[in-house]
Amino acid sequence: MKNHQRRATLGAVAGGLLGAAFLPMAVAFADTYDFTPDITTFIPKQVEGYPPLIDELTGTENWKVFDVTTNAPFLVSLGGTDTETTIGSFTNDDYLTSTSYTALGTSVDFFAPAGTQIDLANFGLGFENEWMDIPSGADAGTSDLFITPFGDFALFGTGFSDLAAALTP
C-alpha cells in the first residue's frame, strides 16, 4: 500500500513540475496581432469541389493586419492569392502574398516579403490556427499561433510576437 502511495505522490509531483515548466509557453499574448482576410475583396477565379460537402475557391483577395485586443484592422492591405476550402463548418484559407508588409517599431521591426504564405484554419466557436511562413529576411521562418476565445498562444516561431513588438507603441 505504501509503495502505491509513493508512486501516486511522485506522479503528482512530476505532473506539477511538468506543468510549471510549460506554463510560460501557455500564457496568452497581451497584445496580439494577426493577419485576417478581407472577405469583401475576394474575387474567385476558380471553383472546385462537391457542394455542399466540400467547396474550394481560388482567387485574389486582400488581407489586413488585425489588432485582436482592440478588435480593429489596420489600414494596411496585403494583396495576394487565396484558396479557401470549406468542409462543413470548417474553413481553411491558404494565402500567398504578392505584396510585402513592413512594420517599423521603436525597438523591433517586422518584414514579410512578397511570397509569404499564411494559412488560417477556422474550426468554429472562436478557435482558429494561423500558420505563417516568411521565406526570407530577418523574420524568415515559420510561426504558428493558436487563437482561442481565452487568448492567443504561440505554438512555435517568433513571427507573431515580432509583429506585436513592432506594432505595440
C-alpha atoms as a PDB file:
ATOM      1  CA  MET A   1       0.000   0.000   0.000  1.00  0.00           C
ATOM      2  CA  LYS A   2       2.786   2.465   0.885  1.00  0.00           C
ATOM      3  CA  ASN A   3       4.554   1.761  -2.413  1.00  0.00           C
ATOM      4  CA  HIS A   4       1.379   2.681  -4.339  1.00  0.00           C
ATOM      5  CA  GLN A   5       1.037   5.949  -2.363  1.00  0.00           C
ATOM      6  CA  ARG A   6       4.670   6.861  -3.107  1.00  0.00           C
ATOM      7  CA  ARG A   7       4.123   6.321  -6.824  1.00  0.00           C
ATOM      8  CA  ALA A   8       0.963   8.433  -6.790  1.00  0.00           C
ATOM      9  CA  THR A   9       2.738  11.215  -4.876  1.00  0.00           C
ATOM     10  CA  LEU A  10       5.754  11.039  -7.186  1.00  0.00           C
ATOM     11  CA  GLY A  11       3.429  11.159 -10.216  1.00  0.00           C
ATOM     12  CA  ALA A  12       1.606  14.216  -8.845  1.00  0.00           C
ATOM     13  CA  VAL A  13       4.902  15.991  -8.159  1.00  0.00           C
ATOM     14  CA  ALA A  14       6.232  15.147 -11.629  1.00  0.00           C
ATOM     15  CA  GLY A  15       2.988  16.340 -13.241  1.00  0.00           C
ATOM     16  CA  GLY A  16       3.140  19.595 -11.277  1.00  0.00           C
ATOM     17  CA  LEU A  17       6.760  20.195 -12.304  1.00  0.00           C
ATOM     18  CA  LEU A  18       5.920  19.459 -15.928  1.00  0.00           C
ATOM     19  CA  GLY A  19       3.004  21.902 -15.790  1.00  0.00           C
ATOM     20  CA  ALA A  20       5.236  24.565 -14.209  1.00  0.00           C
ATOM     21  CA  ALA A  21       7.857  24.003 -16.903  1.00  0.00           C
ATOM     22  CA  PHE A  22       5.343  24.565 -19.714  1.00  0.00           C
ATOM     23  CA  LEU A  23       3.454  27.444 -18.037  1.00  0.00           C
ATOM     24  CA  PRO A  24       5.474  30.208 -19.754  1.00  0.00           C
ATOM     25  CA  MET A  25       4.501  28.763 -23.153  1.00  0.00           C
ATOM     26  CA  ALA A  26       0.829  28.582 -22.194  1.00  0.00           C
ATOM     27  CA  VAL A  27       0.411  32.240 -21.227  1.00  0.00           C
ATOM     28  CA  ALA A  28      -1.600  34.186 -23.781  1.00  0.00           C
ATOM     29  CA  PHE A  29      -0.188  37.254 -25.523  1.00  0.00           C
ATOM     30  CA  ALA A  30      -1.316  40.578 -24.066  1.00  0.00           C
ATOM     31  CA  ASP A  31      -1.009  42.416 -27.400  1.00  0.00           C
ATOM     32  CA  THR A  32      -1.789  40.121 -30.292  1.00  0.00           C
ATOM     33  CA  TYR A  33      -1.796  40.929 -33.967  1.00  0.00           C
ATOM     34  CA  ASP A  34      -2.625  38.548 -36.766  1.00  0.00           C
ATOM     35  CA  PHE A  35      -3.460  38.532 -40.447  1.00  0.00           C
ATOM     36  CA  THR A  36      -7.145  38.410 -41.389  1.00  0.00           C
ATOM     37  CA  PRO A  37      -8.800  38.088 -44.818  1.00  0.00           C
ATOM     38  CA  ASP A  38     -10.900  40.994 -46.031  1.00  0.00           C
ATOM     39  CA  ILE A  39     -13.738  38.899 -47.467  1.00  0.00           C
ATOM     40  CA  THR A  40     -15.264  41.886 -49.272  1.00  0.00           C
ATOM     41  CA  THR A  41     -12.248  41.942 -51.630  1.00  0.00           C
ATOM     42  CA  PHE A  42     -12.324  38.241 -52.625  1.00  0.00           C
ATOM     43  CA  ILE A  43     -12.646  37.723 -56.407  1.00  0.00           C
ATOM     44  CA  PRO A  44     -12.927  33.992 -57.216  1.00  0.00           C
ATOM     45  CA  LYS A  45     -11.146  32.794 -60.369  1.00  0.00           C
ATOM     46  CA  GLN A  46     -11.562  29.031 -59.954  1.00  0.00           C
ATOM     47  CA  VAL A  47     -14.233  26.951 -58.210  1.00  0.00           C
ATOM     48  CA  GLU A  48     -13.944  23.233 -57.403  1.00  0.00           C
ATOM     49  CA  GLY A  49     -15.433  20.692 -55.039  1.00  0.00           C
ATOM     50  CA  TYR A  50     -18.652  18.795 -54.391  1.00  0.00           C
ATOM     51  CA  PRO A  51     -21.102  21.236 -52.771  1.00  0.00           C
ATOM     52  CA  PRO A  52     -22.340  21.124 -50.065  1.00  0.00           C
ATOM     53  CA  LEU A  53     -19.723  18.596 -48.872  1.00  0.00           C
ATOM     54  CA  ILE A  54     -16.570  20.434 -49.921  1.00  0.00           C
ATOM     55  CA  ASP A  55     -16.031  23.764 -51.667  1.00  0.00           C
ATOM     56  CA  GLU A  56     -12.720  25.118 -52.874  1.00  0.00           C
ATOM     57  CA  LEU A  57     -12.473  28.660 -54.222  1.00  0.00           C
ATOM     58  CA  THR A  58      -9.260  30.245 -55.507  1.00  0.00           C
ATOM     59  CA  GLY A  59      -8.924  33.924 -56.302  1.00  0.00           C
ATOM     60  CA  THR A  60      -7.398  37.255 -55.419  1.00  0.00           C
ATOM     61  CA  GLU A  61      -8.017  38.828 -52.044  1.00  0.00           C
ATOM     62  CA  ASN A  62      -6.594  41.431 -49.689  1.00  0.00           C
ATOM     63  CA  TRP A  63      -5.707  40.618 -46.104  1.00  0.00           C
ATOM     64  CA  LYS A  64      -5.252  43.069 -43.249  1.00  0.00           C
ATOM     65  CA  VAL A  65      -3.186  43.143 -40.095  1.00  0.00           C
ATOM     66  CA  PHE A  66      -5.716  42.858 -37.280  1.00  0.00           C
ATOM     67  CA  ASP A  67      -5.330  44.008 -33.664  1.00  0.00           C
ATOM     68  CA  VAL A  68      -7.092  41.306 -31.673  1.00  0.00           C
ATOM     69  CA  THR A  69      -7.030  43.264 -28.397  1.00  0.00           C
ATOM     70  CA  THR A  70      -8.991  46.234 -29.806  1.00  0.00           C
ATOM     71  CA  ASN A  71     -10.837  44.175 -32.431  1.00  0.00           C
ATOM     72  CA  ALA A  72      -9.801  46.602 -35.184  1.00  0.00           C
ATOM     73  CA  PRO A  73      -7.959  46.203 -38.503  1.00  0.00           C
ATOM     74  CA  PHE A  74      -5.067  48.419 -39.573  1.00  0.00           C
ATOM     75  CA  LEU A  75      -5.415  50.360 -42.804  1.00  0.00           C
ATOM     76  CA  VAL A  76      -2.614  48.281 -44.361  1.00  0.00           C
ATOM     77  CA  SER A  77      -3.685  45.781 -47.019  1.00  0.00           C
ATOM     78  CA  LEU A  78      -1.738  42.779 -48.328  1.00  0.00           C
ATOM     79  CA  GLY A  79      -2.591  41.649 -51.844  1.00  0.00           C
ATOM     80  CA  GLY A  80      -2.326  38.027 -52.897  1.00  0.00           C
ATOM     81  CA  THR A  81      -3.955  34.772 -53.898  1.00  0.00           C
ATOM     82  CA  ASP A  82      -6.269  32.944 -51.513  1.00  0.00           C
ATOM     83  CA  THR A  83      -7.517  29.369 -51.733  1.00  0.00           C
ATOM     84  CA  GLU A  84     -10.485  28.947 -49.417  1.00  0.00           C
ATOM     85  CA  THR A  85     -11.554  25.401 -48.611  1.00  0.00           C
ATOM     86  CA  THR A  86     -14.824  24.771 -46.777  1.00  0.00           C
ATOM     87  CA  ILE A  87     -15.759  21.365 -45.391  1.00  0.00           C
ATOM     88  CA  GLY A  88     -18.977  21.660 -43.406  1.00  0.00           C
ATOM     89  CA  SER A  89     -18.365  24.383 -40.802  1.00  0.00           C
ATOM     90  CA  PHE A  90     -14.557  24.116 -41.085  1.00  0.00           C
ATOM     91  CA  THR A  91     -12.905  26.782 -43.244  1.00  0.00           C
ATOM     92  CA  ASN A  92      -9.260  26.954 -44.276  1.00  0.00           C
ATOM     93  CA  ASP A  93      -7.665  29.915 -46.070  1.00  0.00           C
ATOM     94  CA  ASP A  94      -4.279  29.295 -47.702  1.00  0.00           C
ATOM     95  CA  TYR A  95      -2.937  32.704 -48.702  1.00  0.00           C
ATOM     96  CA  LEU A  96       0.170  33.600 -50.731  1.00  0.00           C
ATOM     97  CA  THR A  97       1.076  37.294 -50.645  1.00  0.00           C
ATOM     98  CA  SER A  98       2.030  39.176 -53.807  1.00  0.00           C
ATOM     99  CA  THR A  99       2.940  42.343 -51.871  1.00  0.00           C
ATOM    100  CA  SER A 100       5.245  42.869 -48.923  1.00  0.00           C
ATOM    101  CA  TYR A 101       4.444  44.248 -45.487  1.00  0.00           C
ATOM    102  CA  THR A 102       6.747  46.213 -43.191  1.00  0.00           C
ATOM    103  CA  ALA A 103       6.007  47.338 -39.629  1.00  0.00           C
ATOM    104  CA  LEU A 104       8.596  49.701 -38.170  1.00  0.00           C
ATOM    105  CA  GLY A 105       8.599  49.614 -34.395  1.00  0.00           C
ATOM    106  CA  THR A 106      10.534  51.545 -31.804  1.00  0.00           C
ATOM    107  CA  SER A 107      12.811  48.611 -30.933  1.00  0.00           C
ATOM    108  CA  VAL A 108      11.773  45.794 -33.282  1.00  0.00           C
ATOM    109  CA  ASP A 109      10.874  45.800 -36.983  1.00  0.00           C
ATOM    110  CA  PHE A 110       8.800  43.194 -38.804  1.00  0.00           C
ATOM    111  CA  PHE A 111       9.086  42.419 -42.517  1.00  0.00           C
ATOM    112  CA  ALA A 112       7.024  39.929 -44.539  1.00  0.00           C
ATOM    113  CA  PRO A 113       8.158  39.945 -48.194  1.00  0.00           C
ATOM    114  CA  ALA A 114       6.048  39.025 -51.204  1.00  0.00           C
ATOM    115  CA  GLY A 115       5.798  35.239 -51.266  1.00  0.00           C
ATOM    116  CA  THR A 116       4.911  34.955 -47.567  1.00  0.00           C
ATOM    117  CA  GLN A 117       2.420  32.133 -47.016  1.00  0.00           C
ATOM    118  CA  ILE A 118      -0.295  32.445 -44.378  1.00  0.00           C
ATOM    119  CA  ASP A 119      -2.658  29.594 -43.544  1.00  0.00           C
ATOM    120  CA  LEU A 120      -5.711  30.345 -41.391  1.00  0.00           C
ATOM    121  CA  ALA A 121      -7.800  27.380 -40.224  1.00  0.00           C
ATOM    122  CA  ASN A 122     -11.150  28.287 -38.633  1.00  0.00           C
ATOM    123  CA  PHE A 123     -12.555  25.461 -36.502  1.00  0.00           C
ATOM    124  CA  GLY A 124     -15.566  27.484 -35.326  1.00  0.00           C
ATOM    125  CA  LEU A 125     -16.648  28.764 -31.898  1.00  0.00           C
ATOM    126  CA  GLY A 126     -13.713  31.206 -31.799  1.00  0.00           C
ATOM    127  CA  PHE A 127     -10.962  28.608 -32.298  1.00  0.00           C
ATOM    128  CA  GLU A 128      -8.505  29.182 -35.157  1.00  0.00           C
ATOM    129  CA  ASN A 129      -4.956  28.291 -36.051  1.00  0.00           C
ATOM    130  CA  GLU A 130      -2.801  30.718 -38.025  1.00  0.00           C
ATOM    131  CA  TRP A 131       0.435  29.490 -39.571  1.00  0.00           C
ATOM    132  CA  MET A 132       2.873  31.829 -41.299  1.00  0.00           C
ATOM    133  CA  ASP A 133       5.935  31.039 -43.439  1.00  0.00           C
ATOM    134  CA  ILE A 134       8.182  34.007 -44.203  1.00  0.00           C
ATOM    135  CA  PRO A 135      10.606  32.952 -46.967  1.00  0.00           C
ATOM    136  CA  SER A 136      13.427  35.471 -46.468  1.00  0.00           C
ATOM    137  CA  GLY A 137      14.705  38.383 -44.411  1.00  0.00           C
ATOM    138  CA  ALA A 138      15.340  38.920 -40.713  1.00  0.00           C
ATOM    139  CA  ASP A 139      11.985  37.352 -39.743  1.00  0.00           C
ATOM    140  CA  ALA A 140      12.385  34.320 -42.061  1.00  0.00           C
ATOM    141  CA  GLY A 141      10.938  31.055 -40.783  1.00  0.00           C
ATOM    142  CA  THR A 142       7.649  29.538 -39.750  1.00  0.00           C
ATOM    143  CA  SER A 143       5.412  30.610 -36.888  1.00  0.00           C
ATOM    144  CA  ASP A 144       2.197  29.118 -35.570  1.00  0.00           C
ATOM    145  CA  LEU A 145      -0.445  30.865 -33.469  1.00  0.00           C
ATOM    146  CA  PHE A 146      -3.408  29.105 -31.823  1.00  0.00           C
ATOM    147  CA  ILE A 147      -6.291  31.589 -31.481  1.00  0.00           C
ATOM    148  CA  THR A 148      -8.937  30.891 -28.826  1.00  0.00           C
ATOM    149  CA  PRO A 149     -11.686  32.858 -27.064  1.00  0.00           C
ATOM    150  CA  PHE A 150      -9.406  32.691 -23.975  1.00  0.00           C
ATOM    151  CA  GLY A 151      -6.364  34.302 -25.613  1.00  0.00           C
ATOM    152  CA  ASP A 152      -3.831  33.534 -28.314  1.00  0.00           C
ATOM    153  CA  PHE A 153      -0.998  31.081 -27.789  1.00  0.00           C
ATOM    154  CA  ALA A 154       2.223  30.919 -29.815  1.00  0.00           C
ATOM    155  CA  LEU A 155       2.897  27.271 -30.637  1.00  0.00           C
ATOM    156  CA  PHE A 156       6.296  27.913 -32.255  1.00  0.00           C
ATOM    157  CA  GLY A 157       8.247  30.601 -34.076  1.00  0.00           C
ATOM    158  CA  THR A 158       8.617  34.300 -33.338  1.00  0.00           C
ATOM    159  CA  GLY A 159       6.792  35.870 -36.307  1.00  0.00           C
ATOM    160  CA  PHE A 160       3.632  36.859 -34.415  1.00  0.00           C
ATOM    161  CA  SER A 161       5.499  38.117 -31.339  1.00  0.00           C
ATOM    162  CA  ASP A 162       7.836  40.157 -33.609  1.00  0.00           C
ATOM    163  CA  LEU A 163       4.777  41.639 -35.336  1.00  0.00           C
ATOM    164  CA  ALA A 164       3.237  42.504 -31.948  1.00  0.00           C
ATOM    165  CA  ALA A 165       6.514  44.058 -30.726  1.00  0.00           C
ATOM    166  CA  ALA A 166       6.810  46.198 -33.875  1.00  0.00           C
ATOM    167  CA  LEU A 167       3.203  47.418 -33.721  1.00  0.00           C
ATOM    168  CA  THR A 168       2.927  47.968 -29.974  1.00  0.00           C
ATOM    169  CA  PRO A 169       3.737  51.592 -29.058  1.00  0.00           C
END
